Amino acid sequence: MRRRPNLRVTTESGRTWDDPTEDYLFILLEDIDERDEEFLILERLGDASGQTYIQCRRNDEGRYLIERREGGPDRHYWTTAPDMRVAHELIASWAYNPTPRASAARWTKLRFG
């Protein structure tokens, strides 16, 4: 019996991968760094809300804007990373560690409306 995936990553071009490795996430971030892709979204598929994800894009100054949502708009946060390696560390920590290092970054609650 085939196991259901836990994670799914989607890029700007619409390509998707289930359960990407940390190394593959790094490669996808290299695509963003080289401007071959604009963004990626990494979702937790087992979450009933369908709103648990982390997403990333690079701005014109080379910094990475990272947003994470933990189940709904009241739990939506953002931070920036100075480069691709730090962005990868934050995203991989969120994806693969039971106690993510996401708290190591300075996360700001995103307000809507």
PDB file of N, CA and C in Angstrom:
ATOM      1  N   MET A   1       0.841  -1.176   0.000  1.00  0.00           N
ATOM      2  CA  MET A   1       0.000   0.000   0.000  1.00  0.00           C
ATOM      3  C   MET A   1       0.891   1.244   0.000  1.00  0.00           C
ATOM      4  N   ARG A   2       0.559   2.168  -0.830  1.00  0.00           N
ATOM      5  CA  ARG A   2       1.347   3.390  -0.968  1.00  0.00           C
ATOM      6  C   ARG A   2       1.003   4.384   0.139  1.00  0.00           C
ATOM      7  N   ARG A   3       2.037   4.956   0.725  1.00  0.00           N
ATOM      8  CA  ARG A   3       1.881   5.939   1.790  1.00  0.00           C
ATOM      9  C   ARG A   3       1.458   7.284   1.209  1.00  0.00           C
ATOM     10  N   ARG A   4       0.552   7.957   1.916  1.00  0.00           N
ATOM     11  CA  ARG A   4       0.139   9.301   1.498  1.00  0.00           C
ATOM     12  C   ARG A   4       1.251  10.288   1.835  1.00  0.00           C
ATOM     13  N   PRO A   5       1.493  11.258   0.963  1.00  0.00           N
ATOM     14  CA  PRO A   5       2.551  12.230   1.254  1.00  0.00           C
ATOM     15  C   PRO A   5       2.178  13.148   2.417  1.00  0.00           C
ATOM     16  N   ASN A   6       3.196  13.628   3.112  1.00  0.00           N
ATOM     17  CA  ASN A   6       3.001  14.575   4.216  1.00  0.00           C
ATOM     18  C   ASN A   6       3.142  16.019   3.767  1.00  0.00           C
ATOM     19  N   LEU A   7       4.037  16.237   2.800  1.00  0.00           N
ATOM     20  CA  LEU A   7       4.343  17.585   2.326  1.00  0.00           C
ATOM     21  C   LEU A   7       4.201  17.650   0.814  1.00  0.00           C
ATOM     22  N   ARG A   8       3.866  18.830   0.326  1.00  0.00           N
ATOM     23  CA  ARG A   8       3.851  19.064  -1.125  1.00  0.00           C
ATOM     24  C   ARG A   8       4.407  20.456  -1.377  1.00  0.00           C
ATOM     25  N   VAL A   9       5.366  20.532  -2.285  1.00  0.00           N
ATOM     26  CA  VAL A   9       5.919  21.830  -2.667  1.00  0.00           C
ATOM     27  C   VAL A   9       5.445  22.159  -4.080  1.00  0.00           C
ATOM     28  N   THR A  10       5.074  23.413  -4.279  1.00  0.00           N
ATOM     29  CA  THR A  10       4.627  23.916  -5.576  1.00  0.00           C
ATOM     30  C   THR A  10       5.442  25.163  -5.899  1.00  0.00           C
ATOM     31  N   THR A  11       5.884  25.264  -7.149  1.00  0.00           N
ATOM     32  CA  THR A  11       6.631  26.447  -7.576  1.00  0.00           C
ATOM     33  C   THR A  11       5.752  27.325  -8.462  1.00  0.00           C
ATOM     34  N   GLU A  12       6.264  28.505  -8.772  1.00  0.00           N
ATOM     35  CA  GLU A  12       5.541  29.459  -9.612  1.00  0.00           C
ATOM     36  C   GLU A  12       5.092  28.832 -10.930  1.00  0.00           C
ATOM     37  N   SER A  13       5.919  27.983 -11.513  1.00  0.00           N
ATOM     38  CA  SER A  13       5.605  27.381 -12.807  1.00  0.00           C
ATOM     39  C   SER A  13       4.528  26.307 -12.713  1.00  0.00           C
ATOM     40  N   GLY A  14       4.097  25.982 -11.484  1.00  0.00           N
ATOM     41  CA  GLY A  14       3.043  24.989 -11.305  1.00  0.00           C
ATOM     42  C   GLY A  14       3.547  23.578 -11.085  1.00  0.00           C
ATOM     43  N   ARG A  15       4.853  23.401 -11.103  1.00  0.00           N
ATOM     44  CA  ARG A  15       5.403  22.067 -10.845  1.00  0.00           C
ATOM     45  C   ARG A  15       5.217  21.726  -9.373  1.00  0.00           C
ATOM     46  N   THR A  16       4.934  20.455  -9.087  1.00  0.00           N
ATOM     47  CA  THR A  16       4.744  20.013  -7.704  1.00  0.00           C
ATOM     48  C   THR A  16       5.577  18.759  -7.434  1.00  0.00           C
ATOM     49  N   TRP A  17       5.986  18.627  -6.167  1.00  0.00           N
ATOM     50  CA  TRP A  17       6.696  17.438  -5.697  1.00  0.00           C
ATOM     51  C   TRP A  17       6.146  17.073  -4.334  1.00  0.00           C
ATOM     52  N   ASP A  18       5.913  15.793  -4.131  1.00  0.00           N
ATOM     53  CA  ASP A  18       5.470  15.308  -2.827  1.00  0.00           C
ATOM     54  C   ASP A  18       6.674  14.883  -2.003  1.00  0.00           C
ATOM     55  N   ASP A  19       6.614  15.210  -0.716  1.00  0.00           N
ATOM     56  CA  ASP A  19       7.653  14.870   0.251  1.00  0.00           C
ATOM     57  C   ASP A  19       9.070  15.163  -0.255  1.00  0.00           C
ATOM     58  N   PRO A  20       9.332  16.416  -0.629  1.00  0.00           N
ATOM     59  CA  PRO A  20      10.682  16.754  -1.091  1.00  0.00           C
ATOM     60  C   PRO A  20      11.692  16.622   0.052  1.00  0.00           C
ATOM     61  N   THR A  21      12.907  16.256  -0.292  1.00  0.00           N
ATOM     62  CA  THR A  21      13.977  16.175   0.707  1.00  0.00           C
ATOM     63  C   THR A  21      14.487  17.585   1.014  1.00  0.00           C
ATOM     64  N   GLU A  22      15.256  17.701   2.085  1.00  0.00           N
ATOM     65  CA  GLU A  22      15.882  18.993   2.399  1.00  0.00           C
ATOM     66  C   GLU A  22      16.778  19.442   1.252  1.00  0.00           C
ATOM     67  N   ASP A  23      17.506  18.490   0.668  1.00  0.00           N
ATOM     68  CA  ASP A  23      18.386  18.830  -0.449  1.00  0.00           C
ATOM     69  C   ASP A  23      17.589  19.333  -1.646  1.00  0.00           C
ATOM     70  N   TYR A  24      16.443  18.709  -1.908  1.00  0.00           N
ATOM     71  CA  TYR A  24      15.652  19.158  -3.051  1.00  0.00           C
ATOM     72  C   TYR A  24      15.059  20.545  -2.801  1.00  0.00           C
ATOM     73  N   LEU A  25      14.666  20.830  -1.574  1.00  0.00           N
ATOM     74  CA  LEU A  25      14.205  22.187  -1.258  1.00  0.00           C
ATOM     75  C   LEU A  25      15.318  23.201  -1.525  1.00  0.00           C
ATOM     76  N   PHE A  26      16.551  22.830  -1.220  1.00  0.00           N
ATOM     77  CA  PHE A  26      17.682  23.722  -1.483  1.00  0.00           C
ATOM     78  C   PHE A  26      17.797  23.991  -2.982  1.00  0.00           C
ATOM     79  N   ILE A  27      17.655  22.951  -3.789  1.00  0.00           N
ATOM     80  CA  ILE A  27      17.720  23.106  -5.248  1.00  0.00           C
ATOM     81  C   ILE A  27      16.603  24.026  -5.737  1.00  0.00           C
ATOM     82  N   LEU A  28      15.400  23.863  -5.196  1.00  0.00           N
ATOM     83  CA  LEU A  28      14.288  24.732  -5.596  1.00  0.00           C
ATOM     84  C   LEU A  28      14.546  26.182  -5.190  1.00  0.00           C
ATOM     85  N   LEU A  29      15.163  26.391  -4.037  1.00  0.00           N
ATOM     86  CA  LEU A  29      15.529  27.750  -3.632  1.00  0.00           C
ATOM     87  C   LEU A  29      16.627  28.318  -4.530  1.00  0.00           C
ATOM     88  N   GLU A  30      17.521  27.459  -5.016  1.00  0.00           N
ATOM     89  CA  GLU A  30      18.515  27.928  -5.994  1.00  0.00           C
ATOM     90  C   GLU A  30      17.824  28.440  -7.250  1.00  0.00           C
ATOM     91  N   ASP A  31      16.747  27.773  -7.669  1.00  0.00           N
ATOM     92  CA  ASP A  31      15.979  28.247  -8.830  1.00  0.00           C
ATOM     93  C   ASP A  31      15.424  29.645  -8.582  1.00  0.00           C
ATOM     94  N   ILE A  32      14.974  29.902  -7.359  1.00  0.00           N
ATOM     95  CA  ILE A  32      14.481  31.242  -7.014  1.00  0.00           C
ATOM     96  C   ILE A  32      15.651  32.226  -6.999  1.00  0.00           C
ATOM     97  N   ASP A  33      16.766  31.818  -6.436  1.00  0.00           N
ATOM     98  CA  ASP A  33      17.937  32.686  -6.358  1.00  0.00           C
ATOM     99  C   ASP A  33      18.433  33.077  -7.750  1.00  0.00           C
ATOM    100  N   GLU A  34      18.323  32.147  -8.693  1.00  0.00           N
ATOM    101  CA  GLU A  34      18.771  32.393 -10.072  1.00  0.00           C
ATOM    102  C   GLU A  34      17.672  33.004 -10.937  1.00  0.00           C
ATOM    103  N   ARG A  35      16.522  33.275 -10.337  1.00  0.00           N
ATOM    104  CA  ARG A  35      15.368  33.906 -11.006  1.00  0.00           C
ATOM    105  C   ARG A  35      14.701  33.008 -12.051  1.00  0.00           C
ATOM    106  N   ASP A  36      14.916  31.682 -11.936  1.00  0.00           N
ATOM    107  CA  ASP A  36      14.204  30.747 -12.805  1.00  0.00           C
ATOM    108  C   ASP A  36      12.782  30.518 -12.305  1.00  0.00           C
ATOM    109  N   GLU A  37      12.567  30.728 -11.025  1.00  0.00           N
ATOM    110  CA  GLU A  37      11.245  30.649 -10.400  1.00  0.00           C
ATOM    111  C   GLU A  37      11.082  31.879  -9.518  1.00  0.00           C
ATOM    112  N   GLU A  38       9.835  32.277  -9.277  1.00  0.00           N
ATOM    113  CA  GLU A  38       9.556  33.454  -8.449  1.00  0.00           C
ATOM    114  C   GLU A  38       9.309  33.073  -6.987  1.00  0.00           C
ATOM    115  N   PHE A  39       8.656  31.929  -6.762  1.00  0.00           N
ATOM    116  CA  PHE A  39       8.298  31.556  -5.393  1.00  0.00           C
ATOM    117  C   PHE A  39       8.128  30.057  -5.271  1.00  0.00           C
ATOM    118  N   LEU A  40       8.022  29.605  -4.012  1.00  0.00           N
ATOM    119  CA  LEU A  40       7.606  28.233  -3.724  1.00  0.00           C
ATOM    120  C   LEU A  40       6.679  28.253  -2.522  1.00  0.00           C
ATOM    121  N   ILE A  41       5.799  27.258  -2.481  1.00  0.00           N
ATOM    122  CA  ILE A  41       4.865  27.067  -1.368  1.00  0.00           C
ATOM    123  C   ILE A  41       5.003  25.618  -0.917  1.00  0.00           C
ATOM    124  N   LEU A  42       5.240  25.420   0.365  1.00  0.00           N
ATOM    125  CA  LEU A  42       5.368  24.081   0.936  1.00  0.00           C
ATOM    126  C   LEU A  42       4.215  23.874   1.906  1.00  0.00           C
ATOM    127  N   GLU A  43       3.353  22.899   1.590  1.00  0.00           N
ATOM    128  CA  GLU A  43       2.137  22.659   2.382  1.00  0.00           C
ATOM    129  C   GLU A  43       2.254  21.391   3.209  1.00  0.00           C
ATOM    130  N   ARG A  44       1.628  21.405   4.377  1.00  0.00           N
ATOM    131  CA  ARG A  44       1.424  20.184   5.172  1.00  0.00           C
ATOM    132  C   ARG A  44       0.086  19.595   4.726  1.00  0.00           C
ATOM    133  N   LEU A  45       0.127  18.432   4.121  1.00  0.00           N
ATOM    134  CA  LEU A  45      -1.082  17.855   3.531  1.00  0.00           C
ATOM    135  C   LEU A  45      -2.019  17.243   4.554  1.00  0.00           C
ATOM    136  N   GLY A  46      -1.528  16.845   5.701  1.00  0.00           N
ATOM    137  CA  GLY A  46      -2.368  16.192   6.698  1.00  0.00           C
ATOM    138  C   GLY A  46      -3.187  17.138   7.553  1.00  0.00           C
ATOM    139  N   ASP A  47      -3.028  18.423   7.362  1.00  0.00           N
ATOM    140  CA  ASP A  47      -3.738  19.407   8.175  1.00  0.00           C
ATOM    141  C   ASP A  47      -5.168  19.563   7.678  1.00  0.00           C
ATOM    142  N   ALA A  48      -6.127  19.394   8.572  1.00  0.00           N
ATOM    143  CA  ALA A  48      -7.545  19.449   8.201  1.00  0.00           C
ATOM    144  C   ALA A  48      -7.969  20.819   7.688  1.00  0.00           C
ATOM    145  N   SER A  49      -7.307  21.884   8.137  1.00  0.00           N
ATOM    146  CA  SER A  49      -7.694  23.232   7.709  1.00  0.00           C
ATOM    147  C   SER A  49      -7.290  23.510   6.265  1.00  0.00           C
ATOM    148  N   GLY A  50      -6.289  22.794   5.758  1.00  0.00           N
ATOM    149  CA  GLY A  50      -5.778  23.076   4.424  1.00  0.00           C
ATOM    150  C   GLY A  50      -5.038  24.409   4.360  1.00  0.00           C
ATOM    151  N   GLN A  51      -4.725  24.962   5.521  1.00  0.00           N
ATOM    152  CA  GLN A  51      -4.085  26.276   5.574  1.00  0.00           C
ATOM    153  C   GLN A  51      -2.816  26.260   6.424  1.00  0.00           C
ATOM    154  N   THR A  52      -2.072  25.178   6.328  1.00  0.00           N
ATOM    155  CA  THR A  52      -0.807  25.102   7.046  1.00  0.00           C
ATOM    156  C   THR A  52       0.293  24.972   6.004  1.00  0.00           C
ATOM    157  N   TYR A  53       1.051  26.053   5.852  1.00  0.00           N
ATOM    158  CA  TYR A  53       2.071  26.096   4.812  1.00  0.00           C
ATOM    159  C   TYR A  53       3.122  27.144   5.155  1.00  0.00           C
ATOM    160  N   ILE A  54       4.210  27.062   4.400  1.00  0.00           N
ATOM    161  CA  ILE A  54       5.240  28.091   4.441  1.00  0.00           C
ATOM    162  C   ILE A  54       5.541  28.433   2.990  1.00  0.00           C
ATOM    163  N   GLN A  55       5.714  29.711   2.704  1.00  0.00           N
ATOM    164  CA  GLN A  55       5.988  30.125   1.332  1.00  0.00           C
ATOM    165  C   GLN A  55       7.120  31.138   1.318  1.00  0.00           C
ATOM    166  N   CYS A  56       7.771  31.230   0.163  1.00  0.00           N
ATOM    167  CA  CYS A  56       8.980  32.031   0.084  1.00  0.00           C
ATOM    168  C   CYS A  56       9.108  32.652  -1.298  1.00  0.00           C
ATOM    169  N   ARG A  57       9.583  33.907  -1.328  1.00  0.00           N
ATOM    170  CA  ARG A  57       9.955  34.570  -2.578  1.00  0.00           C
ATOM    171  C   ARG A  57      11.147  35.472  -2.303  1.00  0.00           C
ATOM    172  N   ARG A  58      11.879  35.806  -3.335  1.00  0.00           N
ATOM    173  CA  ARG A  58      13.064  36.673  -3.215  1.00  0.00           C
ATOM    174  C   ARG A  58      12.695  38.057  -3.720  1.00  0.00           C
ATOM    175  N   ASN A  59      13.071  39.095  -2.965  1.00  0.00           N
ATOM    176  CA  ASN A  59      12.781  40.450  -3.429  1.00  0.00           C
ATOM    177  C   ASN A  59      13.933  40.972  -4.291  1.00  0.00           C
ATOM    178  N   ASP A  60      13.770  42.176  -4.821  1.00  0.00           N
ATOM    179  CA  ASP A  60      14.771  42.736  -5.732  1.00  0.00           C
ATOM    180  C   ASP A  60      16.115  43.007  -5.062  1.00  0.00           C
ATOM    181  N   GLU A  61      16.118  43.150  -3.747  1.00  0.00           N
ATOM    182  CA  GLU A  61      17.370  43.391  -3.023  1.00  0.00           C
ATOM    183  C   GLU A  61      18.093  42.092  -2.663  1.00  0.00           C
ATOM    184  N   GLY A  62      17.496  40.950  -2.990  1.00  0.00           N
ATOM    185  CA  GLY A  62      18.126  39.663  -2.712  1.00  0.00           C
ATOM    186  C   GLY A  62      17.733  39.030  -1.392  1.00  0.00           C
ATOM    187  N   ARG A  63      16.886  39.705  -0.617  1.00  0.00           N
ATOM    188  CA  ARG A  63      16.393  39.126   0.642  1.00  0.00           C
ATOM    189  C   ARG A  63      15.210  38.214   0.325  1.00  0.00           C
ATOM    190  N   TYR A  64      14.961  37.288   1.225  1.00  0.00           N
ATOM    191  CA  TYR A  64      13.859  36.343   1.055  1.00  0.00           C
ATOM    192  C   TYR A  64      12.734  36.687   2.013  1.00  0.00           C
ATOM    193  N   LEU A  65      11.541  36.847   1.476  1.00  0.00           N
ATOM    194  CA  LEU A  65      10.342  37.056   2.286  1.00  0.00           C
ATOM    195  C   LEU A  65       9.726  35.683   2.514  1.00  0.00           C
ATOM    196  N   ILE A  66       9.536  35.321   3.771  1.00  0.00           N
ATOM    197  CA  ILE A  66       8.988  34.013   4.128  1.00  0.00           C
ATOM    198  C   ILE A  66       7.734  34.239   4.954  1.00  0.00           C
ATOM    199  N   GLU A  67       6.663  33.565   4.556  1.00  0.00           N
ATOM    200  CA  GLU A  67       5.417  33.602   5.323  1.00  0.00           C
ATOM    201  C   GLU A  67       5.075  32.185   5.737  1.00  0.00           C
ATOM    202  N   ARG A  68       4.537  32.055   6.933  1.00  0.00           N
ATOM    203  CA  ARG A  68       4.035  30.747   7.372  1.00  0.00           C
ATOM    204  C   ARG A  68       2.640  30.938   7.944  1.00  0.00           C
ATOM    205  N   ARG A  69       1.826  29.953   7.702  1.00  0.00           N
ATOM    206  CA  ARG A  69       0.450  29.980   8.198  1.00  0.00           C
ATOM    207  C   ARG A  69       0.214  28.672   8.926  1.00  0.00           C
ATOM    208  N   GLU A  70      -0.327  28.769  10.118  1.00  0.00           N
ATOM    209  CA  GLU A  70      -0.498  27.592  10.969  1.00  0.00           C
ATOM    210  C   GLU A  70      -1.976  27.289  11.184  1.00  0.00           C
ATOM    211  N   GLY A  71      -2.751  27.254  10.096  1.00  0.00           N
ATOM    212  CA  GLY A  71      -4.139  26.822  10.201  1.00  0.00           C
ATOM    213  C   GLY A  71      -5.200  27.867   9.941  1.00  0.00           C
ATOM    214  N   GLY A  72      -4.866  29.127   9.876  1.00  0.00           N
ATOM    215  CA  GLY A  72      -5.877  30.142   9.610  1.00  0.00           C
ATOM    216  C   GLY A  72      -5.284  31.533   9.606  1.00  0.00           C
ATOM    217  N   PRO A  73      -6.063  32.531   9.186  1.00  0.00           N
ATOM    218  CA  PRO A  73      -5.541  33.891   9.070  1.00  0.00           C
ATOM    219  C   PRO A  73      -5.089  34.496  10.396  1.00  0.00           C
ATOM    220  N   ASP A  74      -5.621  34.004  11.502  1.00  0.00           N
ATOM    221  CA  ASP A  74      -5.196  34.528  12.807  1.00  0.00           C
ATOM    222  C   ASP A  74      -3.822  33.986  13.224  1.00  0.00           C
ATOM    223  N   ARG A  75      -3.305  33.032  12.468  1.00  0.00           N
ATOM    224  CA  ARG A  75      -1.983  32.454  12.745  1.00  0.00           C
ATOM    225  C   ARG A  75      -1.116  32.503  11.484  1.00  0.00           C
ATOM    226  N   HIS A  76      -0.995  33.691  10.927  1.00  0.00           N
ATOM    227  CA  HIS A  76      -0.223  33.926   9.707  1.00  0.00           C
ATOM    228  C   HIS A  76       0.897  34.910  10.053  1.00  0.00           C
ATOM    229  N   TYR A  77       2.146  34.532   9.771  1.00  0.00           N
ATOM    230  CA  TYR A  77       3.315  35.307  10.182  1.00  0.00           C
ATOM    231  C   TYR A  77       4.275  35.477   9.013  1.00  0.00           C
ATOM    232  N   TRP A  78       5.121  36.483   9.110  1.00  0.00           N
ATOM    233  CA  TRP A  78       6.140  36.690   8.085  1.00  0.00           C
ATOM    234  C   TRP A  78       7.467  37.084   8.729  1.00  0.00           C
ATOM    235  N   THR A  79       8.525  36.835   7.985  1.00  0.00           N
ATOM    236  CA  THR A  79       9.864  37.262   8.368  1.00  0.00           C
ATOM    237  C   THR A  79      10.680  37.405   7.094  1.00  0.00           C
ATOM    238  N   THR A  80      11.888  37.892   7.220  1.00  0.00           N
ATOM    239  CA  THR A  80      12.794  37.939   6.079  1.00  0.00           C
ATOM    240  C   THR A  80      14.065  37.185   6.435  1.00  0.00           C
ATOM    241  N   ALA A  81      14.717  36.694   5.402  1.00  0.00           N
ATOM    242  CA  ALA A  81      16.013  36.033   5.549  1.00  0.00           C
ATOM    243  C   ALA A  81      16.995  36.768   4.640  1.00  0.00           C
ATOM    244  N   PRO A  82      18.224  36.970   5.090  1.00  0.00           N
ATOM    245  CA  PRO A  82      19.171  37.754   4.302  1.00  0.00           C
ATOM    246  C   PRO A  82      19.657  37.058   3.035  1.00  0.00           C
ATOM    247  N   ASP A  83      19.537  35.727   2.994  1.00  0.00           N
ATOM    248  CA  ASP A  83      20.027  34.999   1.825  1.00  0.00           C
ATOM    249  C   ASP A  83      19.333  33.641   1.723  1.00  0.00           C
ATOM    250  N   MET A  84      19.670  32.940   0.654  1.00  0.00           N
ATOM    251  CA  MET A  84      19.033  31.660   0.357  1.00  0.00           C
ATOM    252  C   MET A  84      19.314  30.606   1.429  1.00  0.00           C
ATOM    253  N   ARG A  85      20.508  30.582   1.965  1.00  0.00           N
ATOM    254  CA  ARG A  85      20.856  29.560   2.966  1.00  0.00           C
ATOM    255  C   ARG A  85      20.036  29.718   4.243  1.00  0.00           C
ATOM    256  N   VAL A  86      19.858  30.939   4.691  1.00  0.00           N
ATOM    257  CA  VAL A  86      19.045  31.170   5.888  1.00  0.00           C
ATOM    258  C   VAL A  86      17.583  30.846   5.586  1.00  0.00           C
ATOM    259  N   ALA A  87      17.114  31.214   4.396  1.00  0.00           N
ATOM    260  CA  ALA A  87      15.742  30.872   4.000  1.00  0.00           C
ATOM    261  C   ALA A  87      15.559  29.357   4.018  1.00  0.00           C
ATOM    262  N   HIS A  88      16.532  28.632   3.484  1.00  0.00           N
ATOM    263  CA  HIS A  88      16.458  27.171   3.469  1.00  0.00           C
ATOM    264  C   HIS A  88      16.411  26.614   4.889  1.00  0.00           C
ATOM    265  N   GLU A  89      17.233  27.154   5.770  1.00  0.00           N
ATOM    266  CA  GLU A  89      17.253  26.678   7.158  1.00  0.00           C
ATOM    267  C   GLU A  89      15.880  26.851   7.816  1.00  0.00           C
ATOM    268  N   LEU A  90      15.253  27.997   7.615  1.00  0.00           N
ATOM    269  CA  LEU A  90      13.936  28.246   8.215  1.00  0.00           C
ATOM    270  C   LEU A  90      12.866  27.332   7.625  1.00  0.00           C
ATOM    271  N   ILE A  91      12.872  27.183   6.305  1.00  0.00           N
ATOM    272  CA  ILE A  91      11.859  26.354   5.641  1.00  0.00           C
ATOM    273  C   ILE A  91      12.047  24.883   6.008  1.00  0.00           C
ATOM    274  N   ALA A  92      13.282  24.403   5.958  1.00  0.00           N
ATOM    275  CA  ALA A  92      13.546  22.996   6.290  1.00  0.00           C
ATOM    276  C   ALA A  92      13.224  22.712   7.753  1.00  0.00           C
ATOM    277  N   SER A  93      13.531  23.644   8.622  1.00  0.00           N
ATOM    278  CA  SER A  93      13.211  23.457  10.039  1.00  0.00           C
ATOM    279  C   SER A  93      11.705  23.330  10.235  1.00  0.00           C
ATOM    280  N   TRP A  94      10.944  24.194   9.577  1.00  0.00           N
ATOM    281  CA  TRP A  94       9.480  24.136   9.666  1.00  0.00           C
ATOM    282  C   TRP A  94       8.975  22.789   9.146  1.00  0.00           C
ATOM    283  N   ALA A  95       9.573  22.297   8.071  1.00  0.00           N
ATOM    284  CA  ALA A  95       9.080  21.086   7.411  1.00  0.00           C
ATOM    285  C   ALA A  95       9.456  19.796   8.128  1.00  0.00           C
ATOM    286  N   TYR A  96      10.664  19.718   8.679  1.00  0.00           N
ATOM    287  CA  TYR A  96      11.184  18.420   9.104  1.00  0.00           C
ATOM    288  C   TYR A  96      11.443  18.266  10.592  1.00  0.00           C
ATOM    289  N   ASN A  97      11.386  19.320  11.351  1.00  0.00           N
ATOM    290  CA  ASN A  97      11.680  19.209  12.779  1.00  0.00           C
ATOM    291  C   ASN A  97      10.408  19.281  13.601  1.00  0.00           C
ATOM    292  N   PRO A  98      10.256  18.371  14.567  1.00  0.00           N
ATOM    293  CA  PRO A  98       9.059  18.408  15.401  1.00  0.00           C
ATOM    294  C   PRO A  98       8.953  19.705  16.208  1.00  0.00           C
ATOM    295  N   THR A  99      10.103  20.269  16.572  1.00  0.00           N
ATOM    296  CA  THR A  99      10.110  21.581  17.243  1.00  0.00           C
ATOM    297  C   THR A  99      10.889  22.517  16.332  1.00  0.00           C
ATOM    298  N   PRO A 100      10.199  23.131  15.372  1.00  0.00           N
ATOM    299  CA  PRO A 100      10.909  23.926  14.362  1.00  0.00           C
ATOM    300  C   PRO A 100      11.696  25.081  14.954  1.00  0.00           C
ATOM    301  N   ARG A 101      12.774  25.409  14.278  1.00  0.00           N
ATOM    302  CA  ARG A 101      13.579  26.563  14.665  1.00  0.00           C
ATOM    303  C   ARG A 101      12.952  27.848  14.156  1.00  0.00           C
ATOM    304  N   ALA A 102      11.747  27.757  13.633  1.00  0.00           N
ATOM    305  CA  ALA A 102      11.066  28.950  13.134  1.00  0.00           C
ATOM    306  C   ALA A 102      11.037  30.021  14.205  1.00  0.00           C
ATOM    307  N   SER A 103      10.999  29.592  15.464  1.00  0.00           N
ATOM    308  CA  SER A 103      10.966  30.566  16.551  1.00  0.00           C
ATOM    309  C   SER A 103      12.285  31.324  16.660  1.00  0.00           C
ATOM    310  N   ALA A 104      13.363  30.800  16.050  1.00  0.00           N
ATOM    311  CA  ALA A 104      14.649  31.483  16.087  1.00  0.00           C
ATOM    312  C   ALA A 104      14.621  32.767  15.256  1.00  0.00           C
ATOM    313  N   ALA A 105      13.732  32.834  14.289  1.00  0.00           N
ATOM    314  CA  ALA A 105      13.586  34.042  13.473  1.00  0.00           C
ATOM    315  C   ALA A 105      12.646  35.013  14.181  1.00  0.00           C
ATOM    316  N   ARG A 106      12.688  36.229  13.770  1.00  0.00           N
ATOM    317  CA  ARG A 106      11.769  37.230  14.321  1.00  0.00           C
ATOM    318  C   ARG A 106      10.531  37.266  13.424  1.00  0.00           C
ATOM    319  N   TRP A 107       9.492  36.576  13.854  1.00  0.00           N
ATOM    320  CA  TRP A 107       8.259  36.471  13.083  1.00  0.00           C
ATOM    321  C   TRP A 107       7.290  37.573  13.513  1.00  0.00           C
ATOM    322  N   THR A 108       6.658  38.197  12.520  1.00  0.00           N
ATOM    323  CA  THR A 108       5.678  39.251  12.762  1.00  0.00           C
ATOM    324  C   THR A 108       4.322  38.761  12.289  1.00  0.00           C
ATOM    325  N   LYS A 109       3.315  38.964  13.102  1.00  0.00           N
ATOM    326  CA  LYS A 109       1.966  38.548  12.718  1.00  0.00           C
ATOM    327  C   LYS A 109       1.501  39.389  11.532  1.00  0.00           C
ATOM    328  N   LEU A 110       0.985  38.720  10.516  1.00  0.00           N
ATOM    329  CA  LEU A 110       0.464  39.400   9.334  1.00  0.00           C
ATOM    330  C   LEU A 110      -0.986  39.762   9.596  1.00  0.00           C
ATOM    331  N   ARG A 111      -1.309  41.006   9.433  1.00  0.00           N
ATOM    332  CA  ARG A 111      -2.675  41.492   9.681  1.00  0.00           C
ATOM    333  C   ARG A 111      -3.383  41.696   8.351  1.00  0.00           C
ATOM    334  N   PHE A 112      -4.604  41.237   8.276  1.00  0.00           N
ATOM    335  CA  PHE A 112      -5.406  41.370   7.062  1.00  0.00           C
ATOM    336  C   PHE A 112      -6.473  42.429   7.280  1.00  0.00           C
ATOM    337  N   GLY A 113      -6.738  43.179   6.215  1.00  0.00           N
ATOM    338  CA  GLY A 113      -7.833  44.150   6.259  1.00  0.00           C
ATOM    339  C   GLY A 113      -7.487  45.340   6.948  1.00  0.00           C
TER     340      GLY A 113
END
